[in-house]
Amino acid sequence: MYIGSGDTTFLLMGKNSTSHQNLLRRFVSDVVPYYNAKASPIDALRTGAILEERYMQILPDDYYPQYKVISKDMDVFKCSLDFAKLNNGNVVDFDEMKTCNFDDFLLFEQFRDDEKDEAIEFIKKKYKHYYNQVQEQLYCTDLYSANIVFVVVYSYEDFINEARDIQPNEYIRFRINRDENVINKIKQCGLPFQYLKDFYTKDEKI
């Protein structure tokens, strides 16, 4: 029984929303979802999974893909990090990778050489669900900041993406700082799930 980083958007939608209620039903069913994005019939999901593998090729050797972390504060929260940097078995940094089309990538290009404050505000406005997801990951890892990385997509043909060598001008990183306001909201919305997890998983006599 856990809330994953990919569930953050549904968690924050409010208890009366259909998405939130679907999340609750899945949570209490204790069914662990299995995702195989590379086999997905959805082009965007399949392309994202392929480009994650290609992006991994340009990272240093101390980065590990799809690294799982459970929050020490509220163990109902569990995140999966696209690329976690480890030092002595501890997560010291991570990259959360997202793909975007060429037009959106051009919007990010205007912030490449800036101080990034405007870029973060742009991300919070246009890609709020990504921003909130990274906040959940920062909460789970107890880190102050991490990277969100946007990689441009030129094609949805698998054979093209599988052979692609991602160049420096084809991705852009933004440093996302810990946002306690968002994290507190995530924790507040997660409390009912934590209560359910504790009630049904703790060995206590009633």
N, C-alpha and C. Protein backbone atom coordinates (compact mmCIF):
# COMPACT_ATOMS: atom_id res chain seq x y z
N MET A 1 0.85 -1.18 0.00
CA MET A 1 0.00 0.00 0.00
C MET A 1 0.89 1.24 0.00
N TYR A 2 0.92 1.93 -1.09
CA TYR A 2 1.76 3.12 -1.18
C TYR A 2 1.21 4.09 -2.21
N ILE A 3 1.65 5.34 -2.09
CA ILE A 3 1.37 6.38 -3.07
C ILE A 3 2.66 6.67 -3.81
N GLY A 4 2.68 6.41 -5.11
CA GLY A 4 3.88 6.64 -5.90
C GLY A 4 3.98 8.07 -6.39
N SER A 5 5.16 8.43 -6.85
CA SER A 5 5.36 9.80 -7.34
C SER A 5 4.46 10.10 -8.54
N GLY A 6 4.16 9.07 -9.32
CA GLY A 6 3.27 9.27 -10.46
C GLY A 6 1.83 9.49 -10.07
N ASP A 7 1.51 9.22 -8.79
CA ASP A 7 0.15 9.42 -8.28
C ASP A 7 -0.08 10.81 -7.72
N THR A 8 0.95 11.62 -7.67
CA THR A 8 0.87 12.92 -6.99
C THR A 8 -0.24 13.80 -7.55
N THR A 9 -0.37 13.83 -8.87
CA THR A 9 -1.41 14.66 -9.49
C THR A 9 -2.80 14.24 -9.01
N PHE A 10 -3.06 12.94 -8.99
CA PHE A 10 -4.37 12.43 -8.57
C PHE A 10 -4.60 12.68 -7.08
N LEU A 11 -3.53 12.56 -6.30
CA LEU A 11 -3.63 12.79 -4.86
C LEU A 11 -4.07 14.21 -4.55
N LEU A 12 -3.55 15.18 -5.31
CA LEU A 12 -3.81 16.59 -5.05
C LEU A 12 -5.09 17.11 -5.70
N MET A 13 -5.79 16.26 -6.44
CA MET A 13 -6.99 16.73 -7.14
C MET A 13 -8.18 16.95 -6.21
N GLY A 14 -8.13 16.43 -5.01
CA GLY A 14 -9.25 16.60 -4.10
C GLY A 14 -10.05 15.31 -3.98
N LYS A 15 -10.56 15.05 -2.79
CA LYS A 15 -11.18 13.76 -2.51
C LYS A 15 -12.46 13.50 -3.29
N ASN A 16 -13.09 14.53 -3.83
CA ASN A 16 -14.32 14.34 -4.58
C ASN A 16 -14.11 14.16 -6.07
N SER A 17 -12.89 14.27 -6.52
CA SER A 17 -12.61 14.10 -7.95
C SER A 17 -12.59 12.62 -8.31
N THR A 18 -12.92 12.32 -9.55
CA THR A 18 -12.93 10.93 -10.02
C THR A 18 -11.53 10.32 -9.95
N SER A 19 -10.52 11.10 -10.33
CA SER A 19 -9.15 10.59 -10.33
C SER A 19 -8.68 10.24 -8.92
N HIS A 20 -9.02 11.10 -7.96
CA HIS A 20 -8.63 10.84 -6.57
C HIS A 20 -9.34 9.58 -6.04
N GLN A 21 -10.60 9.44 -6.35
CA GLN A 21 -11.36 8.28 -5.89
C GLN A 21 -10.85 6.99 -6.54
N ASN A 22 -10.45 7.07 -7.80
CA ASN A 22 -9.86 5.91 -8.46
C ASN A 22 -8.54 5.53 -7.80
N LEU A 23 -7.77 6.54 -7.41
CA LEU A 23 -6.52 6.29 -6.70
C LEU A 23 -6.79 5.58 -5.38
N LEU A 24 -7.81 6.03 -4.66
CA LEU A 24 -8.16 5.41 -3.39
C LEU A 24 -8.58 3.95 -3.58
N ARG A 25 -9.36 3.68 -4.60
CA ARG A 25 -9.80 2.31 -4.86
C ARG A 25 -8.62 1.41 -5.19
N ARG A 26 -7.70 1.91 -6.00
CA ARG A 26 -6.51 1.11 -6.31
C ARG A 26 -5.66 0.89 -5.07
N PHE A 27 -5.58 1.93 -4.25
CA PHE A 27 -4.76 1.85 -3.04
C PHE A 27 -5.27 0.76 -2.09
N VAL A 28 -6.56 0.75 -1.81
CA VAL A 28 -7.12 -0.22 -0.87
C VAL A 28 -7.19 -1.62 -1.47
N SER A 29 -7.17 -1.72 -2.82
CA SER A 29 -7.18 -3.03 -3.45
C SER A 29 -5.83 -3.72 -3.28
N ASP A 30 -4.79 -2.92 -2.99
CA ASP A 30 -3.43 -3.43 -2.82
C ASP A 30 -2.90 -4.12 -4.07
N VAL A 31 -3.44 -3.74 -5.21
CA VAL A 31 -2.95 -4.27 -6.47
C VAL A 31 -1.78 -3.40 -6.94
N VAL A 32 -0.64 -4.00 -7.13
CA VAL A 32 0.54 -3.26 -7.56
C VAL A 32 0.50 -3.12 -9.08
N PRO A 33 0.38 -1.90 -9.59
CA PRO A 33 0.32 -1.74 -11.05
C PRO A 33 1.65 -2.07 -11.70
N TYR A 34 1.58 -2.69 -12.85
CA TYR A 34 2.78 -3.02 -13.60
C TYR A 34 2.75 -2.24 -14.92
N TYR A 35 3.79 -1.48 -15.14
CA TYR A 35 3.85 -0.66 -16.34
C TYR A 35 5.02 -1.12 -17.20
N ASN A 36 4.75 -1.34 -18.46
CA ASN A 36 5.80 -1.65 -19.42
C ASN A 36 5.68 -0.65 -20.56
N ALA A 37 6.25 0.54 -20.31
CA ALA A 37 6.06 1.65 -21.25
C ALA A 37 6.62 1.33 -22.63
N LYS A 38 7.71 0.54 -22.68
CA LYS A 38 8.32 0.25 -23.98
C LYS A 38 7.42 -0.60 -24.87
N ALA A 39 6.48 -1.31 -24.25
CA ALA A 39 5.54 -2.14 -25.02
C ALA A 39 4.19 -1.45 -25.21
N SER A 40 4.11 -0.18 -24.79
CA SER A 40 2.84 0.53 -24.86
C SER A 40 2.45 0.85 -26.30
N PRO A 41 1.15 0.75 -26.62
CA PRO A 41 0.70 1.18 -27.95
C PRO A 41 0.63 2.70 -28.08
N ILE A 42 0.82 3.39 -26.95
CA ILE A 42 0.80 4.86 -26.96
C ILE A 42 2.19 5.37 -27.32
N ASP A 43 2.27 6.08 -28.43
CA ASP A 43 3.57 6.52 -28.94
C ASP A 43 4.37 7.33 -27.93
N ALA A 44 3.71 8.25 -27.23
CA ALA A 44 4.42 9.13 -26.30
C ALA A 44 5.05 8.34 -25.16
N LEU A 45 4.34 7.35 -24.62
CA LEU A 45 4.88 6.55 -23.52
C LEU A 45 6.05 5.69 -23.99
N ARG A 46 5.89 5.08 -25.14
CA ARG A 46 6.94 4.22 -25.68
C ARG A 46 8.19 5.02 -26.01
N THR A 47 7.99 6.18 -26.63
CA THR A 47 9.12 7.04 -26.97
C THR A 47 9.84 7.53 -25.73
N GLY A 48 9.08 7.90 -24.69
CA GLY A 48 9.68 8.35 -23.44
C GLY A 48 10.56 7.28 -22.82
N ALA A 49 10.10 6.03 -22.84
CA ALA A 49 10.89 4.94 -22.26
C ALA A 49 12.17 4.70 -23.05
N ILE A 50 12.08 4.76 -24.36
CA ILE A 50 13.27 4.57 -25.20
C ILE A 50 14.28 5.69 -24.98
N LEU A 51 13.79 6.92 -24.93
CA LEU A 51 14.71 8.06 -24.76
C LEU A 51 15.30 8.11 -23.36
N GLU A 52 14.61 7.55 -22.37
CA GLU A 52 15.22 7.42 -21.05
C GLU A 52 16.48 6.56 -21.13
N GLU A 53 16.40 5.48 -21.87
CA GLU A 53 17.57 4.62 -22.03
C GLU A 53 18.69 5.34 -22.76
N ARG A 54 18.33 6.16 -23.73
CA ARG A 54 19.35 6.90 -24.47
C ARG A 54 19.96 8.01 -23.60
N TYR A 55 19.14 8.64 -22.78
CA TYR A 55 19.64 9.68 -21.88
C TYR A 55 20.60 9.09 -20.86
N MET A 56 20.32 7.88 -20.41
CA MET A 56 21.18 7.22 -19.43
C MET A 56 22.61 7.09 -19.95
N GLN A 57 22.76 7.01 -21.26
CA GLN A 57 24.08 6.84 -21.85
C GLN A 57 24.98 8.05 -21.65
N ILE A 58 24.40 9.21 -21.39
CA ILE A 58 25.22 10.42 -21.27
C ILE A 58 25.45 10.80 -19.80
N LEU A 59 24.92 10.02 -18.87
CA LEU A 59 25.10 10.30 -17.45
C LEU A 59 26.34 9.59 -16.90
N PRO A 60 26.93 10.13 -15.84
CA PRO A 60 28.08 9.47 -15.21
C PRO A 60 27.69 8.09 -14.64
N ASP A 61 28.70 7.31 -14.31
CA ASP A 61 28.48 5.93 -13.87
C ASP A 61 27.81 5.82 -12.50
N ASP A 62 27.79 6.92 -11.73
CA ASP A 62 27.19 6.84 -10.40
C ASP A 62 25.69 7.14 -10.41
N TYR A 63 25.08 7.17 -11.59
CA TYR A 63 23.63 7.33 -11.72
C TYR A 63 23.00 5.98 -12.02
N TYR A 64 21.86 5.73 -11.37
CA TYR A 64 21.17 4.46 -11.52
C TYR A 64 19.71 4.71 -11.92
N PRO A 65 19.19 3.95 -12.90
CA PRO A 65 17.83 4.20 -13.38
C PRO A 65 16.76 3.56 -12.50
N GLN A 66 15.60 4.20 -12.46
CA GLN A 66 14.40 3.67 -11.80
C GLN A 66 14.69 3.20 -10.37
N TYR A 67 15.26 4.11 -9.59
CA TYR A 67 15.64 3.80 -8.22
C TYR A 67 14.47 4.14 -7.28
N LYS A 68 14.10 3.20 -6.43
CA LYS A 68 12.94 3.36 -5.55
C LYS A 68 13.37 3.87 -4.17
N VAL A 69 12.59 4.81 -3.64
CA VAL A 69 12.85 5.37 -2.31
C VAL A 69 11.52 5.49 -1.57
N ILE A 70 11.49 5.04 -0.31
CA ILE A 70 10.31 5.17 0.55
C ILE A 70 10.59 6.26 1.57
N SER A 71 9.64 7.13 1.78
CA SER A 71 9.80 8.23 2.74
C SER A 71 9.98 7.68 4.15
N LYS A 72 10.95 8.22 4.86
CA LYS A 72 11.15 7.85 6.26
C LYS A 72 10.15 8.54 7.17
N ASP A 73 9.58 9.62 6.70
CA ASP A 73 8.62 10.39 7.49
C ASP A 73 7.22 9.77 7.44
N MET A 74 6.73 9.50 6.23
CA MET A 74 5.44 8.85 6.03
C MET A 74 5.67 7.74 5.01
N ASP A 75 5.69 6.50 5.50
CA ASP A 75 6.08 5.40 4.61
C ASP A 75 5.01 4.99 3.62
N VAL A 76 3.90 5.72 3.58
CA VAL A 76 2.91 5.50 2.53
C VAL A 76 3.39 6.08 1.20
N PHE A 77 4.37 6.98 1.28
CA PHE A 77 4.90 7.62 0.07
C PHE A 77 6.13 6.87 -0.41
N LYS A 78 6.10 6.56 -1.69
CA LYS A 78 7.20 5.86 -2.34
C LYS A 78 7.42 6.48 -3.70
N CYS A 79 8.65 6.78 -4.03
CA CYS A 79 8.90 7.40 -5.33
C CYS A 79 9.85 6.53 -6.15
N SER A 80 9.72 6.68 -7.44
CA SER A 80 10.63 6.05 -8.38
C SER A 80 11.38 7.15 -9.10
N LEU A 81 12.69 7.16 -8.95
CA LEU A 81 13.52 8.20 -9.55
C LEU A 81 14.02 7.72 -10.91
N ASP A 82 13.84 8.54 -11.92
CA ASP A 82 14.30 8.15 -13.26
C ASP A 82 15.79 7.85 -13.24
N PHE A 83 16.56 8.74 -12.64
CA PHE A 83 18.02 8.56 -12.58
C PHE A 83 18.51 9.10 -11.24
N ALA A 84 18.90 8.20 -10.36
CA ALA A 84 19.36 8.59 -9.02
C ALA A 84 20.88 8.54 -8.95
N LYS A 85 21.47 9.59 -8.42
CA LYS A 85 22.90 9.61 -8.16
C LYS A 85 23.13 9.09 -6.75
N LEU A 86 23.95 8.03 -6.63
CA LEU A 86 24.18 7.40 -5.34
C LEU A 86 25.60 7.63 -4.86
N ASN A 87 25.72 7.79 -3.55
CA ASN A 87 27.02 7.89 -2.89
C ASN A 87 26.94 7.06 -1.62
N ASN A 88 27.70 5.97 -1.60
CA ASN A 88 27.66 5.03 -0.46
C ASN A 88 26.24 4.53 -0.19
N GLY A 89 25.53 4.29 -1.25
CA GLY A 89 24.19 3.74 -1.12
C GLY A 89 23.10 4.75 -0.82
N ASN A 90 23.48 6.02 -0.73
CA ASN A 90 22.50 7.07 -0.43
C ASN A 90 22.23 7.93 -1.67
N VAL A 91 20.98 8.34 -1.83
CA VAL A 91 20.64 9.23 -2.94
C VAL A 91 21.10 10.64 -2.60
N VAL A 92 21.97 11.19 -3.44
CA VAL A 92 22.48 12.54 -3.20
C VAL A 92 21.99 13.53 -4.26
N ASP A 93 21.39 13.01 -5.32
CA ASP A 93 20.84 13.86 -6.37
C ASP A 93 20.02 12.98 -7.30
N PHE A 94 19.20 13.59 -8.13
CA PHE A 94 18.50 12.81 -9.14
C PHE A 94 18.04 13.69 -10.28
N ASP A 95 17.82 13.05 -11.43
CA ASP A 95 17.25 13.69 -12.62
C ASP A 95 15.89 13.06 -12.88
N GLU A 96 14.88 13.88 -13.03
CA GLU A 96 13.57 13.41 -13.48
C GLU A 96 13.41 13.86 -14.92
N MET A 97 13.35 12.89 -15.84
CA MET A 97 13.35 13.21 -17.26
C MET A 97 11.93 13.25 -17.83
N LYS A 98 11.67 14.27 -18.64
CA LYS A 98 10.40 14.39 -19.34
C LYS A 98 10.69 14.69 -20.82
N THR A 99 9.88 14.14 -21.67
CA THR A 99 10.01 14.45 -23.09
C THR A 99 9.02 15.56 -23.46
N CYS A 100 9.34 16.30 -24.50
CA CYS A 100 8.44 17.35 -24.96
C CYS A 100 8.62 17.53 -26.46
N ASN A 101 7.60 18.06 -27.10
CA ASN A 101 7.70 18.28 -28.54
C ASN A 101 8.60 19.48 -28.84
N PHE A 102 8.90 19.65 -30.10
CA PHE A 102 9.87 20.67 -30.51
C PHE A 102 9.39 22.08 -30.16
N ASP A 103 8.10 22.35 -30.33
CA ASP A 103 7.58 23.69 -30.03
C ASP A 103 7.72 24.03 -28.55
N ASP A 104 7.40 23.08 -27.69
CA ASP A 104 7.55 23.32 -26.26
C ASP A 104 9.02 23.46 -25.88
N PHE A 105 9.88 22.67 -26.53
CA PHE A 105 11.30 22.75 -26.23
C PHE A 105 11.85 24.13 -26.57
N LEU A 106 11.35 24.72 -27.62
CA LEU A 106 11.78 26.08 -27.99
C LEU A 106 11.41 27.08 -26.90
N LEU A 107 10.28 26.86 -26.23
CA LEU A 107 9.90 27.73 -25.12
C LEU A 107 10.91 27.63 -23.98
N PHE A 108 11.41 26.43 -23.72
CA PHE A 108 12.41 26.27 -22.67
C PHE A 108 13.75 26.86 -23.06
N GLU A 109 14.05 26.86 -24.34
CA GLU A 109 15.34 27.36 -24.81
C GLU A 109 15.58 28.81 -24.39
N GLN A 110 14.52 29.60 -24.29
CA GLN A 110 14.69 31.00 -23.91
C GLN A 110 15.24 31.15 -22.48
N PHE A 111 15.15 30.06 -21.69
CA PHE A 111 15.63 30.12 -20.30
C PHE A 111 16.97 29.42 -20.11
N ARG A 112 17.55 28.88 -21.18
CA ARG A 112 18.74 28.05 -21.04
C ARG A 112 19.89 28.78 -20.34
N ASP A 113 20.12 30.02 -20.67
CA ASP A 113 21.26 30.75 -20.13
C ASP A 113 20.87 31.77 -19.07
N ASP A 114 19.63 31.70 -18.59
CA ASP A 114 19.17 32.63 -17.57
C ASP A 114 19.44 32.08 -16.17
N GLU A 115 19.04 32.86 -15.19
CA GLU A 115 19.19 32.43 -13.80
C GLU A 115 18.15 31.39 -13.41
N LYS A 116 17.21 31.15 -14.29
CA LYS A 116 16.23 30.08 -14.18
C LYS A 116 15.00 30.42 -13.32
N ASP A 117 14.97 31.54 -12.63
CA ASP A 117 13.79 31.86 -11.81
C ASP A 117 12.53 31.92 -12.67
N GLU A 118 12.64 32.58 -13.81
CA GLU A 118 11.50 32.68 -14.70
C GLU A 118 11.12 31.30 -15.25
N ALA A 119 12.13 30.48 -15.48
CA ALA A 119 11.86 29.13 -16.00
C ALA A 119 11.07 28.31 -15.00
N ILE A 120 11.42 28.41 -13.73
CA ILE A 120 10.71 27.65 -12.70
C ILE A 120 9.26 28.09 -12.62
N GLU A 121 9.03 29.38 -12.71
CA GLU A 121 7.66 29.88 -12.69
C GLU A 121 6.89 29.38 -13.92
N PHE A 122 7.58 29.30 -15.04
CA PHE A 122 6.96 28.79 -16.26
C PHE A 122 6.59 27.31 -16.10
N ILE A 123 7.49 26.54 -15.51
CA ILE A 123 7.23 25.12 -15.27
C ILE A 123 6.07 24.94 -14.31
N LYS A 124 6.04 25.75 -13.25
CA LYS A 124 4.95 25.65 -12.26
C LYS A 124 3.60 25.98 -12.88
N LYS A 125 3.62 26.83 -13.89
CA LYS A 125 2.37 27.22 -14.54
C LYS A 125 1.95 26.24 -15.62
N LYS A 126 2.88 25.88 -16.50
CA LYS A 126 2.55 25.06 -17.67
C LYS A 126 2.66 23.56 -17.37
N TYR A 127 3.59 23.20 -16.47
CA TYR A 127 3.82 21.79 -16.15
C TYR A 127 3.73 21.57 -14.64
N LYS A 128 2.65 22.03 -14.08
CA LYS A 128 2.48 21.95 -12.63
C LYS A 128 2.55 20.52 -12.12
N HIS A 129 1.99 19.58 -12.87
CA HIS A 129 1.99 18.19 -12.43
C HIS A 129 3.42 17.63 -12.37
N TYR A 130 4.31 18.08 -13.27
CA TYR A 130 5.70 17.66 -13.19
C TYR A 130 6.38 18.27 -11.96
N TYR A 131 6.12 19.54 -11.74
CA TYR A 131 6.70 20.23 -10.59
C TYR A 131 6.28 19.54 -9.29
N ASN A 132 5.01 19.22 -9.15
CA ASN A 132 4.51 18.58 -7.94
C ASN A 132 5.09 17.18 -7.77
N GLN A 133 5.27 16.49 -8.88
CA GLN A 133 5.87 15.16 -8.81
C GLN A 133 7.29 15.23 -8.26
N VAL A 134 8.07 16.20 -8.72
CA VAL A 134 9.44 16.36 -8.23
C VAL A 134 9.43 16.71 -6.73
N GLN A 135 8.43 17.49 -6.29
CA GLN A 135 8.34 17.82 -4.87
C GLN A 135 8.09 16.57 -4.04
N GLU A 136 7.26 15.65 -4.53
CA GLU A 136 7.05 14.39 -3.82
C GLU A 136 8.34 13.59 -3.74
N GLN A 137 9.11 13.62 -4.81
CA GLN A 137 10.38 12.91 -4.84
C GLN A 137 11.40 13.55 -3.89
N LEU A 138 11.41 14.87 -3.84
CA LEU A 138 12.30 15.56 -2.90
C LEU A 138 11.91 15.23 -1.45
N TYR A 139 10.62 15.13 -1.21
CA TYR A 139 10.14 14.77 0.12
C TYR A 139 10.60 13.37 0.49
N CYS A 140 10.45 12.42 -0.42
CA CYS A 140 10.85 11.04 -0.13
C CYS A 140 12.35 10.90 0.09
N THR A 141 13.13 11.66 -0.66
CA THR A 141 14.59 11.54 -0.60
C THR A 141 15.24 12.45 0.44
N ASP A 142 14.46 13.38 1.01
CA ASP A 142 14.99 14.36 1.96
C ASP A 142 16.04 15.28 1.34
N LEU A 143 15.97 15.47 0.03
CA LEU A 143 16.91 16.36 -0.64
C LEU A 143 16.34 17.77 -0.72
N TYR A 144 17.24 18.73 -0.87
CA TYR A 144 16.81 20.13 -0.99
C TYR A 144 16.46 20.49 -2.43
N SER A 145 17.13 19.85 -3.40
CA SER A 145 16.89 20.19 -4.80
C SER A 145 17.24 19.01 -5.69
N ALA A 146 16.76 19.07 -6.93
CA ALA A 146 17.06 18.05 -7.92
C ALA A 146 16.78 18.63 -9.30
N ASN A 147 17.07 17.84 -10.34
CA ASN A 147 16.90 18.32 -11.71
C ASN A 147 15.64 17.76 -12.35
N ILE A 148 14.95 18.60 -13.09
CA ILE A 148 13.97 18.13 -14.06
C ILE A 148 14.57 18.40 -15.43
N VAL A 149 14.55 17.38 -16.27
CA VAL A 149 15.23 17.45 -17.56
C VAL A 149 14.22 17.27 -18.68
N PHE A 150 14.21 18.20 -19.60
CA PHE A 150 13.32 18.11 -20.75
C PHE A 150 14.14 17.72 -21.98
N VAL A 151 13.72 16.63 -22.61
CA VAL A 151 14.40 16.13 -23.81
C VAL A 151 13.45 16.29 -25.00
N VAL A 152 13.94 16.88 -26.06
CA VAL A 152 13.08 17.14 -27.21
C VAL A 152 12.85 15.85 -28.00
N VAL A 153 11.63 15.70 -28.51
CA VAL A 153 11.24 14.55 -29.33
C VAL A 153 11.12 15.01 -30.78
N TYR A 154 11.85 14.34 -31.66
CA TYR A 154 11.78 14.65 -33.09
C TYR A 154 10.89 13.66 -33.83
N SER A 155 10.83 12.43 -33.31
CA SER A 155 10.12 11.38 -34.02
C SER A 155 9.54 10.39 -33.02
N TYR A 156 8.47 9.71 -33.42
CA TYR A 156 7.88 8.64 -32.61
C TYR A 156 8.15 7.27 -33.22
N GLU A 157 9.10 7.22 -34.15
CA GLU A 157 9.51 5.95 -34.73
C GLU A 157 10.54 5.29 -33.81
N ASP A 158 10.24 4.06 -33.37
CA ASP A 158 11.11 3.38 -32.40
C ASP A 158 12.53 3.23 -32.91
N PHE A 159 12.70 2.81 -34.16
CA PHE A 159 14.04 2.53 -34.66
C PHE A 159 14.89 3.80 -34.72
N ILE A 160 14.25 4.95 -34.91
CA ILE A 160 14.99 6.21 -34.91
C ILE A 160 15.44 6.57 -33.49
N ASN A 161 14.53 6.45 -32.55
CA ASN A 161 14.85 6.81 -31.16
C ASN A 161 15.84 5.83 -30.54
N GLU A 162 15.76 4.56 -30.90
CA GLU A 162 16.67 3.56 -30.34
C GLU A 162 18.10 3.79 -30.79
N ALA A 163 18.29 4.47 -31.90
CA ALA A 163 19.64 4.75 -32.41
C ALA A 163 20.09 6.17 -32.11
N ARG A 164 19.28 6.91 -31.42
CA ARG A 164 19.57 8.34 -31.23
C ARG A 164 20.64 8.56 -30.17
N ASP A 165 21.57 9.43 -30.46
CA ASP A 165 22.55 9.90 -29.48
C ASP A 165 22.14 11.32 -29.08
N ILE A 166 21.68 11.47 -27.86
CA ILE A 166 21.16 12.75 -27.40
C ILE A 166 22.30 13.75 -27.23
N GLN A 167 22.18 14.88 -27.89
CA GLN A 167 23.21 15.91 -27.87
C GLN A 167 22.89 16.97 -26.81
N PRO A 168 23.91 17.73 -26.37
CA PRO A 168 23.70 18.75 -25.33
C PRO A 168 22.63 19.77 -25.66
N ASN A 169 22.46 20.09 -26.94
CA ASN A 169 21.46 21.08 -27.32
C ASN A 169 20.06 20.48 -27.49
N GLU A 170 19.92 19.18 -27.17
CA GLU A 170 18.64 18.49 -27.31
C GLU A 170 17.97 18.20 -25.97
N TYR A 171 18.58 18.68 -24.91
CA TYR A 171 17.96 18.57 -23.59
C TYR A 171 18.33 19.80 -22.77
N ILE A 172 17.54 20.07 -21.78
CA ILE A 172 17.81 21.21 -20.91
C ILE A 172 17.40 20.85 -19.48
N ARG A 173 18.27 21.14 -18.55
CA ARG A 173 18.04 20.83 -17.13
C ARG A 173 17.64 22.10 -16.38
N PHE A 174 16.70 21.92 -15.45
CA PHE A 174 16.32 23.00 -14.55
C PHE A 174 16.41 22.46 -13.12
N ARG A 175 17.03 23.27 -12.27
CA ARG A 175 17.17 22.87 -10.87
C ARG A 175 15.91 23.27 -10.11
N ILE A 176 15.25 22.30 -9.52
CA ILE A 176 14.02 22.52 -8.78
C ILE A 176 14.33 22.45 -7.28
N ASN A 177 14.07 23.54 -6.57
CA ASN A 177 14.29 23.56 -5.13
C ASN A 177 13.07 23.00 -4.38
N ARG A 178 13.32 22.56 -3.20
CA ARG A 178 12.27 22.03 -2.34
C ARG A 178 11.25 23.14 -2.03
N ASP A 179 9.98 22.82 -2.18
CA ASP A 179 8.88 23.75 -1.95
C ASP A 179 8.04 23.21 -0.81
N GLU A 180 8.25 23.75 0.39
CA GLU A 180 7.59 23.21 1.57
C GLU A 180 6.08 23.39 1.53
N ASN A 181 5.61 24.42 0.85
CA ASN A 181 4.17 24.62 0.73
C ASN A 181 3.52 23.46 -0.02
N VAL A 182 4.13 23.06 -1.13
CA VAL A 182 3.60 21.95 -1.90
C VAL A 182 3.76 20.64 -1.13
N ILE A 183 4.91 20.46 -0.51
CA ILE A 183 5.16 19.23 0.24
C ILE A 183 4.17 19.09 1.39
N ASN A 184 3.88 20.17 2.08
CA ASN A 184 2.92 20.10 3.18
C ASN A 184 1.53 19.72 2.66
N LYS A 185 1.17 20.20 1.49
CA LYS A 185 -0.11 19.84 0.90
C LYS A 185 -0.13 18.35 0.53
N ILE A 186 0.98 17.88 -0.02
CA ILE A 186 1.09 16.46 -0.35
C ILE A 186 0.94 15.60 0.90
N LYS A 187 1.62 16.00 1.97
CA LYS A 187 1.54 15.25 3.22
C LYS A 187 0.12 15.27 3.79
N GLN A 188 -0.51 16.43 3.74
CA GLN A 188 -1.87 16.55 4.26
C GLN A 188 -2.83 15.63 3.50
N CYS A 189 -2.72 15.65 2.17
CA CYS A 189 -3.59 14.80 1.35
C CYS A 189 -3.25 13.31 1.53
N GLY A 190 -2.03 13.04 1.93
CA GLY A 190 -1.61 11.65 2.11
C GLY A 190 -1.96 11.06 3.46
N LEU A 191 -2.37 11.90 4.41
CA LEU A 191 -2.66 11.41 5.77
C LEU A 191 -3.71 10.30 5.80
N PRO A 192 -4.86 10.45 5.12
CA PRO A 192 -5.85 9.36 5.14
C PRO A 192 -5.29 8.04 4.62
N PHE A 193 -4.43 8.12 3.61
CA PHE A 193 -3.81 6.92 3.06
C PHE A 193 -2.84 6.30 4.08
N GLN A 194 -2.13 7.17 4.81
CA GLN A 194 -1.22 6.67 5.84
C GLN A 194 -1.99 5.97 6.95
N TYR A 195 -3.13 6.55 7.36
CA TYR A 195 -3.96 5.92 8.39
C TYR A 195 -4.44 4.54 7.93
N LEU A 196 -4.88 4.44 6.69
CA LEU A 196 -5.33 3.16 6.16
C LEU A 196 -4.19 2.15 6.13
N LYS A 197 -3.04 2.58 5.68
CA LYS A 197 -1.88 1.69 5.62
C LYS A 197 -1.52 1.19 7.02
N ASP A 198 -1.48 2.10 8.00
CA ASP A 198 -1.13 1.71 9.36
C ASP A 198 -2.16 0.73 9.93
N PHE A 199 -3.44 1.00 9.67
CA PHE A 199 -4.50 0.18 10.24
C PHE A 199 -4.47 -1.24 9.70
N TYR A 200 -4.21 -1.37 8.39
CA TYR A 200 -4.31 -2.68 7.77
C TYR A 200 -2.99 -3.44 7.68
N THR A 201 -1.91 -2.78 8.00
CA THR A 201 -0.61 -3.47 7.88
C THR A 201 0.10 -3.66 9.20
N LYS A 202 -0.33 -2.94 10.25
CA LYS A 202 0.31 -3.11 11.56
C LYS A 202 -0.29 -4.32 12.28
N ASP A 203 0.57 -5.10 12.92
CA ASP A 203 0.11 -6.28 13.66
C ASP A 203 -0.34 -5.86 15.05
N GLU A 204 -1.59 -5.46 15.11
CA GLU A 204 -2.17 -5.05 16.40
C GLU A 204 -3.45 -5.81 16.63
N LYS A 205 -3.72 -6.16 17.87
CA LYS A 205 -4.95 -6.81 18.23
C LYS A 205 -6.03 -5.76 18.44
N ILE A 206 -7.20 -6.05 17.90
CA ILE A 206 -8.34 -5.13 18.03
C ILE A 206 -9.29 -5.67 19.08
